[in-house]
PDB file of N, CA and C in Angstrom:
ATOM      1  N   MET A   1      45.350-162.293 -33.734  1.00  0.00           N
ATOM      2  CA  MET A   1      46.118-162.414 -34.642  1.00  0.00           C
ATOM      3  C   MET A   1      47.543-161.070 -34.824  1.00  0.00           C
ATOM      4  N   THR A   2      48.716-161.293 -34.708  1.00  0.00           N
ATOM      5  CA  THR A   2      49.721-159.892 -34.868  1.00  0.00           C
ATOM      6  C   THR A   2      49.517-159.482 -36.190  1.00  0.00           C
ATOM      7  N   LYS A   3      49.942-158.582 -36.403  1.00  0.00           N
ATOM      8  CA  LYS A   3      50.393-157.954 -37.429  1.00  0.00           C
ATOM      9  C   LYS A   3      51.166-158.657 -38.502  1.00  0.00           C
ATOM     10  N   ARG A   4      52.397-159.029 -38.149  1.00  0.00           N
ATOM     11  CA  ARG A   4      53.234-160.186 -38.738  1.00  0.00           C
ATOM     12  C   ARG A   4      52.307-161.042 -39.403  1.00  0.00           C
ATOM     13  N   GLN A   5      51.658-162.132 -38.288  1.00  0.00           N
ATOM     14  CA  GLN A   5      50.761-162.876 -38.688  1.00  0.00           C
ATOM     15  C   GLN A   5      49.783-163.083 -39.973  1.00  0.00           C
ATOM     16  N   ILE A   6      49.425-161.604 -39.701  1.00  0.00           N
ATOM     17  CA  ILE A   6      47.973-161.254 -40.701  1.00  0.00           C
ATOM     18  C   ILE A   6      49.154-161.384 -42.106  1.00  0.00           C
ATOM     19  N   LEU A   7      50.009-160.552 -42.155  1.00  0.00           N
ATOM     20  CA  LEU A   7      51.020-159.976 -43.214  1.00  0.00           C
ATOM     21  C   LEU A   7      51.555-161.158 -43.984  1.00  0.00           C
ATOM     22  N   MET A   8      51.919-162.065 -42.931  1.00  0.00           N
ATOM     23  CA  MET A   8      52.514-164.032 -43.564  1.00  0.00           C
ATOM     24  C   MET A   8      51.124-164.534 -43.961  1.00  0.00           C
ATOM     25  N   ARG A   9      50.177-164.697 -43.764  1.00  0.00           N
ATOM     26  CA  ARG A   9      49.036-165.553 -44.047  1.00  0.00           C
ATOM     27  C   ARG A   9      48.323-164.609 -45.577  1.00  0.00           C
ATOM     28  N   LYS A  10      48.781-163.381 -45.826  1.00  0.00           N
ATOM     29  CA  LYS A  10      48.547-162.663 -46.931  1.00  0.00           C
ATOM     30  C   LYS A  10      49.198-163.028 -47.650  1.00  0.00           C
ATOM     31  N   ILE A  11      50.481-162.932 -47.703  1.00  0.00           N
ATOM     32  CA  ILE A  11      52.033-163.779 -48.301  1.00  0.00           C
ATOM     33  C   ILE A  11      51.591-165.065 -48.842  1.00  0.00           C
ATOM     34  N   SER A  12      51.197-165.875 -48.077  1.00  0.00           N
ATOM     35  CA  SER A  12      50.897-167.211 -48.115  1.00  0.00           C
ATOM     36  C   SER A  12      49.818-167.673 -49.412  1.00  0.00           C
ATOM     37  N   THR A  13      49.195-166.528 -49.015  1.00  0.00           N
ATOM     38  CA  THR A  13      47.942-166.953 -50.197  1.00  0.00           C
ATOM     39  C   THR A  13      47.839-166.693 -50.919  1.00  0.00           C
ATOM     40  N   TYR A  14      48.229-165.338 -50.900  1.00  0.00           N
ATOM     41  CA  TYR A  14      48.687-164.899 -52.819  1.00  0.00           C
ATOM     42  C   TYR A  14      49.743-165.796 -53.303  1.00  0.00           C
ATOM     43  N   SER A  15      50.627-166.452 -52.905  1.00  0.00           N
ATOM     44  CA  SER A  15      51.927-167.083 -53.112  1.00  0.00           C
ATOM     45  C   SER A  15      50.920-168.381 -53.506  1.00  0.00           C
ATOM     46  N   PHE A  16      50.300-168.882 -52.792  1.00  0.00           N
ATOM     47  CA  PHE A  16      49.387-170.050 -53.190  1.00  0.00           C
ATOM     48  C   PHE A  16      48.719-170.053 -54.575  1.00  0.00           C
ATOM     49  N   ALA A  17      47.892-168.917 -54.433  1.00  0.00           N
ATOM     50  CA  ALA A  17      47.004-168.814 -55.877  1.00  0.00           C
ATOM     51  C   ALA A  17      48.072-168.880 -56.886  1.00  0.00           C
ATOM     52  N   MET A  18      48.907-168.184 -56.993  1.00  0.00           N
ATOM     53  CA  MET A  18      50.047-168.101 -57.644  1.00  0.00           C
ATOM     54  C   MET A  18      50.364-169.350 -58.492  1.00  0.00           C
ATOM     55  N   LEU A  19      51.025-169.992 -57.454  1.00  0.00           N
ATOM     56  CA  LEU A  19      51.473-171.349 -57.355  1.00  0.00           C
ATOM     57  C   LEU A  19      50.836-172.425 -58.231  1.00  0.00           C
ATOM     58  N   ASP A  20      49.366-172.547 -57.698  1.00  0.00           N
ATOM     59  CA  ASP A  20      48.218-172.967 -58.373  1.00  0.00           C
ATOM     60  C   ASP A  20      47.807-172.745 -59.806  1.00  0.00           C
ATOM     61  N   LEU A  21      47.697-171.349 -60.366  1.00  0.00           N
ATOM     62  CA  LEU A  21      47.419-170.960 -61.438  1.00  0.00           C
ATOM     63  C   LEU A  21      48.818-171.353 -62.264  1.00  0.00           C
ATOM     64  N   GLN A  22      49.754-171.196 -62.104  1.00  0.00           N
ATOM     65  CA  GLN A  22      50.961-171.689 -62.792  1.00  0.00           C
ATOM     66  C   GLN A  22      50.941-172.991 -62.896  1.00  0.00           C
ATOM     67  N   ILE A  23      50.723-173.946 -62.021  1.00  0.00           N
ATOM     68  CA  ILE A  23      50.552-175.640 -62.082  1.00  0.00           C
ATOM     69  C   ILE A  23      49.165-175.527 -63.364  1.00  0.00           C
ATOM     70  N   PHE A  24      48.371-174.972 -63.385  1.00  0.00           N
ATOM     71  CA  PHE A  24      47.408-174.937 -64.335  1.00  0.00           C
ATOM     72  C   PHE A  24      47.647-174.655 -66.129  1.00  0.00           C
ATOM     73  N   LEU A  25      48.070-173.445 -65.867  1.00  0.00           N
ATOM     74  CA  LEU A  25      49.165-173.234 -66.996  1.00  0.00           C
ATOM     75  C   LEU A  25      50.238-174.061 -67.484  1.00  0.00           C
ATOM     76  N   ASP A  26      50.577-175.039 -67.053  1.00  0.00           N
ATOM     77  CA  ASP A  26      51.157-175.869 -67.533  1.00  0.00           C
ATOM     78  C   ASP A  26      50.644-176.730 -68.737  1.00  0.00           C
ATOM     79  N   THR A  27      49.144-176.953 -68.268  1.00  0.00           N
ATOM     80  CA  THR A  27      48.318-177.737 -69.177  1.00  0.00           C
ATOM     81  C   THR A  27      47.620-176.690 -69.999  1.00  0.00           C
ATOM     82  N   HIS A  28      47.541-175.547 -69.715  1.00  0.00           N
ATOM     83  CA  HIS A  28      47.066-174.426 -70.562  1.00  0.00           C
ATOM     84  C   HIS A  28      47.960-173.318 -70.729  1.00  0.00           C
ATOM     85  N   PRO A  29      48.593-173.439 -71.216  1.00  0.00           N
ATOM     86  CA  PRO A  29      49.571-172.332 -71.643  1.00  0.00           C
ATOM     87  C   PRO A  29      49.321-171.193 -72.352  1.00  0.00           C
ATOM     88  N   ASN A  30      48.463-170.943 -73.197  1.00  0.00           N
ATOM     89  CA  ASN A  30      47.533-169.963 -73.345  1.00  0.00           C
ATOM     90  C   ASN A  30      46.590-169.193 -73.119  1.00  0.00           C
ATOM     91  N   ASP A  31      46.206-169.777 -71.889  1.00  0.00           N
ATOM     92  CA  ASP A  31      44.963-169.234 -71.364  1.00  0.00           C
ATOM     93  C   ASP A  31      45.431-167.625 -70.567  1.00  0.00           C
ATOM     94  N   GLU A  32      44.921-167.244 -71.739  1.00  0.00           N
ATOM     95  CA  GLU A  32      45.151-164.995 -71.175  1.00  0.00           C
ATOM     96  C   GLU A  32      44.411-165.148 -69.822  1.00  0.00           C
ATOM     97  N   LYS A  33      43.267-165.571 -69.312  1.00  0.00           N
ATOM     98  CA  LYS A  33      42.440-165.038 -68.097  1.00  0.00           C
ATOM     99  C   LYS A  33      43.618-165.428 -67.319  1.00  0.00           C
ATOM    100  N   THR A  34      44.027-166.570 -67.093  1.00  0.00           N
ATOM    101  CA  THR A  34      44.667-167.259 -65.896  1.00  0.00           C
ATOM    102  C   THR A  34      45.922-166.166 -65.978  1.00  0.00           C
ATOM    103  N   LEU A  35      46.844-165.848 -67.350  1.00  0.00           N
ATOM    104  CA  LEU A  35      48.138-165.465 -67.077  1.00  0.00           C
ATOM    105  C   LEU A  35      47.978-164.066 -66.376  1.00  0.00           C
ATOM    106  N   ALA A  36      46.661-163.341 -66.928  1.00  0.00           N
ATOM    107  CA  ALA A  36      46.360-162.125 -66.383  1.00  0.00           C
ATOM    108  C   ALA A  36      45.965-162.194 -64.714  1.00  0.00           C
ATOM    109  N   LYS A  37      45.473-163.057 -64.070  1.00  0.00           N
ATOM    110  CA  LYS A  37      45.087-163.364 -63.051  1.00  0.00           C
ATOM    111  C   LYS A  37      46.709-163.465 -61.846  1.00  0.00           C
ATOM    112  N   VAL A  38      47.448-164.477 -62.341  1.00  0.00           N
ATOM    113  CA  VAL A  38      48.963-164.237 -62.108  1.00  0.00           C
ATOM    114  C   VAL A  38      49.721-163.242 -62.084  1.00  0.00           C
ATOM    115  N   ARG A  39      49.500-162.417 -63.215  1.00  0.00           N
ATOM    116  CA  ARG A  39      50.244-161.238 -62.930  1.00  0.00           C
ATOM    117  C   ARG A  39      49.316-160.543 -62.290  1.00  0.00           C
ATOM    118  N   LYS A  40      48.300-160.622 -61.661  1.00  0.00           N
ATOM    119  CA  LYS A  40      47.442-159.248 -60.686  1.00  0.00           C
ATOM    120  C   LYS A  40      48.273-159.866 -59.464  1.00  0.00           C
ATOM    121  N   TYR A  41      48.024-161.346 -58.896  1.00  0.00           N
ATOM    122  CA  TYR A  41      48.585-161.527 -58.395  1.00  0.00           C
ATOM    123  C   TYR A  41      49.758-161.598 -57.163  1.00  0.00           C
ATOM    124  N   ARG A  42      50.762-161.363 -58.368  1.00  0.00           N
ATOM    125  CA  ARG A  42      51.907-161.326 -58.515  1.00  0.00           C
ATOM    126  C   ARG A  42      52.390-159.590 -58.035  1.00  0.00           C
ATOM    127  N   GLU A  43      51.718-158.812 -58.340  1.00  0.00           N
ATOM    128  CA  GLU A  43      51.276-157.077 -58.575  1.00  0.00           C
ATOM    129  C   GLU A  43      50.992-156.695 -56.927  1.00  0.00           C
ATOM    130  N   MET A  44      50.181-157.878 -56.515  1.00  0.00           N
ATOM    131  CA  MET A  44      49.731-157.381 -55.342  1.00  0.00           C
ATOM    132  C   MET A  44      50.673-158.113 -54.219  1.00  0.00           C
ATOM    133  N   LEU A  45      51.133-159.236 -54.494  1.00  0.00           N
ATOM    134  CA  LEU A  45      52.095-159.813 -53.297  1.00  0.00           C
ATOM    135  C   LEU A  45      53.362-159.256 -53.291  1.00  0.00           C
ATOM    136  N   MET A  46      54.197-158.887 -54.374  1.00  0.00           N
ATOM    137  CA  MET A  46      55.346-157.736 -54.223  1.00  0.00           C
ATOM    138  C   MET A  46      55.464-156.786 -53.382  1.00  0.00           C
ATOM    139  N   PRO A  47      54.256-155.712 -53.252  1.00  0.00           N
ATOM    140  CA  PRO A  47      54.685-154.808 -52.159  1.00  0.00           C
ATOM    141  C   PRO A  47      53.988-155.760 -50.580  1.00  0.00           C
ATOM    142  N   LEU A  48      53.556-156.918 -50.546  1.00  0.00           N
ATOM    143  CA  LEU A  48      53.528-157.158 -49.060  1.00  0.00           C
ATOM    144  C   LEU A  48      54.886-158.229 -48.585  1.00  0.00           C
ATOM    145  N   ARG A  49      55.420-158.619 -49.526  1.00  0.00           N
ATOM    146  CA  ARG A  49      56.710-159.464 -49.322  1.00  0.00           C
ATOM    147  C   ARG A  49      57.596-157.695 -48.845  1.00  0.00           C
ATOM    148  N   GLU A  50      57.648-156.987 -49.737  1.00  0.00           N
ATOM    149  CA  GLU A  50      58.507-155.770 -49.586  1.00  0.00           C
ATOM    150  C   GLU A  50      58.763-154.974 -47.904  1.00  0.00           C
ATOM    151  N   GLU A  51      57.324-154.981 -47.737  1.00  0.00           N
ATOM    152  CA  GLU A  51      56.496-154.707 -46.156  1.00  0.00           C
ATOM    153  C   GLU A  51      57.007-155.552 -45.548  1.00  0.00           C
ATOM    154  N   TYR A  52      57.094-156.834 -45.541  1.00  0.00           N
ATOM    155  CA  TYR A  52      57.430-158.182 -44.409  1.00  0.00           C
ATOM    156  C   TYR A  52      58.738-158.016 -44.217  1.00  0.00           C
ATOM    157  N   GLU A  53      59.353-157.982 -45.526  1.00  0.00           N
ATOM    158  CA  GLU A  53      60.916-158.121 -45.414  1.00  0.00           C
ATOM    159  C   GLU A  53      61.552-157.154 -44.979  1.00  0.00           C
ATOM    160  N   ARG A  54      61.098-155.524 -44.854  1.00  0.00           N
ATOM    161  CA  ARG A  54      61.692-154.539 -44.422  1.00  0.00           C
ATOM    162  C   ARG A  54      61.402-154.454 -43.012  1.00  0.00           C
ATOM    163  N   THR A  55      60.592-155.357 -42.642  1.00  0.00           N
ATOM    164  CA  THR A  55      60.137-154.597 -41.275  1.00  0.00           C
ATOM    165  C   THR A  55      60.458-156.026 -40.197  1.00  0.00           C
ATOM    166  N   TYR A  56      60.396-157.540 -40.672  1.00  0.00           N
ATOM    167  CA  TYR A  56      60.745-158.509 -40.265  1.00  0.00           C
ATOM    168  C   TYR A  56      62.012-159.122 -40.696  1.00  0.00           C
ATOM    169  N   GLY A  57      62.373-159.088 -41.489  1.00  0.00           N
ATOM    170  CA  GLY A  57      63.605-159.681 -42.490  1.00  0.00           C
ATOM    171  C   GLY A  57      62.835-160.776 -43.257  1.00  0.00           C
ATOM    172  N   PRO A  58      64.075-161.363 -44.087  1.00  0.00           N
ATOM    173  CA  PRO A  58      63.644-161.932 -45.325  1.00  0.00           C
ATOM    174  C   PRO A  58      63.360-162.979 -45.191  1.00  0.00           C
ATOM    175  N   LEU A  59      62.546-163.515 -46.939  1.00  0.00           N
ATOM    176  CA  LEU A  59      61.128-164.437 -46.214  1.00  0.00           C
ATOM    177  C   LEU A  59      62.410-165.575 -46.990  1.00  0.00           C
ATOM    178  N   THR A  60      63.214-165.463 -48.035  1.00  0.00           N
ATOM    179  CA  THR A  60      63.699-166.658 -48.427  1.00  0.00           C
ATOM    180  C   THR A  60      65.727-166.062 -48.482  1.00  0.00           C
ATOM    181  N   LYS A  61      66.433-167.139 -48.745  1.00  0.00           N
ATOM    182  CA  LYS A  61      68.020-166.323 -49.085  1.00  0.00           C
ATOM    183  C   LYS A  61      67.902-165.891 -50.115  1.00  0.00           C
ATOM    184  N   SER A  62      68.370-164.676 -50.164  1.00  0.00           N
ATOM    185  CA  SER A  62      68.772-163.876 -51.303  1.00  0.00           C
ATOM    186  C   SER A  62      69.881-164.354 -52.129  1.00  0.00           C
ATOM    187  N   GLN A  63      70.502-164.554 -53.355  1.00  0.00           N
ATOM    188  CA  GLN A  63      71.443-165.446 -54.168  1.00  0.00           C
ATOM    189  C   GLN A  63      72.696-164.447 -53.994  1.00  0.00           C
ATOM    190  N   ASP A  64      71.975-162.778 -53.961  1.00  0.00           N
ATOM    191  CA  ASP A  64      73.211-162.147 -54.406  1.00  0.00           C
ATOM    192  C   ASP A  64      73.891-161.288 -52.777  1.00  0.00           C
ATOM    193  N   THR A  65      73.614-162.123 -51.740  1.00  0.00           N
ATOM    194  CA  THR A  65      74.333-162.184 -50.358  1.00  0.00           C
ATOM    195  C   THR A  65      74.858-162.831 -49.947  1.00  0.00           C
ATOM    196  N   ASN A  66      75.593-162.675 -48.612  1.00  0.00           N
ATOM    197  CA  ASN A  66      76.503-163.860 -48.082  1.00  0.00           C
ATOM    198  C   ASN A  66      75.720-163.283 -46.335  1.00  0.00           C
ATOM    199  N   ASN A  67      74.834-162.741 -46.420  1.00  0.00           N
ATOM    200  CA  ASN A  67      74.191-162.157 -44.987  1.00  0.00           C
ATOM    201  C   ASN A  67      73.128-163.212 -44.272  1.00  0.00           C
ATOM    202  N   TRP A  68      74.001-163.574 -43.201  1.00  0.00           N
ATOM    203  CA  TRP A  68      73.082-164.456 -42.590  1.00  0.00           C
ATOM    204  C   TRP A  68      72.274-163.999 -41.476  1.00  0.00           C
ATOM    205  N   ASP A  69      72.185-162.897 -41.040  1.00  0.00           N
ATOM    206  CA  ASP A  69      71.596-161.961 -40.124  1.00  0.00           C
ATOM    207  C   ASP A  69      69.955-163.078 -39.757  1.00  0.00           C
ATOM    208  N   TRP A  70      69.287-163.494 -40.860  1.00  0.00           N
ATOM    209  CA  TRP A  70      67.861-163.999 -40.562  1.00  0.00           C
ATOM    210  C   TRP A  70      68.166-165.147 -39.023  1.00  0.00           C
ATOM    211  N   VAL A  71      69.775-165.602 -39.193  1.00  0.00           N
ATOM    212  CA  VAL A  71      69.852-166.812 -38.358  1.00  0.00           C
ATOM    213  C   VAL A  71      69.628-166.087 -36.727  1.00  0.00           C
ATOM    214  N   ASN A  72      69.773-164.879 -36.540  1.00  0.00           N
ATOM    215  CA  ASN A  72      69.794-164.464 -35.333  1.00  0.00           C
ATOM    216  C   ASN A  72      68.405-163.778 -35.021  1.00  0.00           C
ATOM    217  N   SER A  73      67.252-164.202 -35.626  1.00  0.00           N
ATOM    218  CA  SER A  73      66.184-163.544 -35.523  1.00  0.00           C
ATOM    219  C   SER A  73      65.522-164.568 -34.533  1.00  0.00           C
ATOM    220  N   PRO A  74      64.525-164.511 -33.643  1.00  0.00           N
ATOM    221  CA  PRO A  74      64.006-165.820 -33.002  1.00  0.00           C
ATOM    222  C   PRO A  74      63.269-166.322 -33.724  1.00  0.00           C
ATOM    223  N   TRP A  75      62.941-167.552 -33.147  1.00  0.00           N
ATOM    224  CA  TRP A  75      62.554-168.529 -34.419  1.00  0.00           C
ATOM    225  C   TRP A  75      60.901-168.626 -33.592  1.00  0.00           C
ATOM    226  N   PRO A  76      60.331-169.541 -34.774  1.00  0.00           N
ATOM    227  CA  PRO A  76      58.568-169.340 -33.910  1.00  0.00           C
ATOM    228  C   PRO A  76      58.572-169.353 -32.760  1.00  0.00           C
ATOM    229  N   TRP A  77      58.732-170.761 -32.251  1.00  0.00           N
ATOM    230  CA  TRP A  77      58.881-170.719 -30.626  1.00  0.00           C
ATOM    231  C   TRP A  77      59.484-170.123 -29.848  1.00  0.00           C
ATOM    232  N   GLU A  78      60.360-169.216 -29.846  1.00  0.00           N
ATOM    233  CA  GLU A  78      60.439-168.278 -29.139  1.00  0.00           C
ATOM    234  C   GLU A  78      59.955-167.180 -29.148  1.00  0.00           C
ATOM    235  N   MET A  79      58.866-166.297 -30.078  1.00  0.00           N
ATOM    236  CA  MET A  79      58.363-165.268 -29.730  1.00  0.00           C
ATOM    237  C   MET A  79      57.051-165.314 -29.087  1.00  0.00           C
ATOM    238  N   GLU A  80      57.387-165.041 -28.137  1.00  0.00           N
ATOM    239  CA  GLU A  80      56.278-165.248 -26.976  1.00  0.00           C
ATOM    240  C   GLU A  80      55.083-164.444 -27.061  1.00  0.00           C
ATOM    241  N   GLY A  81      55.290-163.049 -27.080  1.00  0.00           N
ATOM    242  CA  GLY A  81      54.187-162.119 -27.428  1.00  0.00           C
ATOM    243  C   GLY A  81      52.969-162.196 -28.423  1.00  0.00           C
ATOM    244  N   GLU A  82      53.602-163.404 -29.148  1.00  0.00           N
ATOM    245  CA  GLU A  82      52.681-163.110 -30.869  1.00  0.00           C
ATOM    246  C   GLU A  82      52.155-164.452 -30.949  1.00  0.00           C
ATOM    247  N   LYS A  83      51.568-164.703 -29.912  1.00  0.00           N
ATOM    248  CA  LYS A  83      50.853-166.183 -29.816  1.00  0.00           C
ATOM    249  C   LYS A  83      48.934-165.758 -30.064  1.00  0.00           C
TER     250      LYS A  83
END
């Protein structure tokens, strides 16, 4: 696995965990343990996202920019050496 793939897997894992916990919080909004876990995962996720975006480009389209450079990056099927 490439460094990019490892980083993306970590980002996906923490993002999924946060989403899953947030769904649980829809029915248990006062669960302090779950709220603490969401905060912990967010703290772990933010530096990973920053590293990914600094190295490989944006993960999502930002609302405050008209920068479309991400379309100039190779698409996943165009990356030959990263399989």
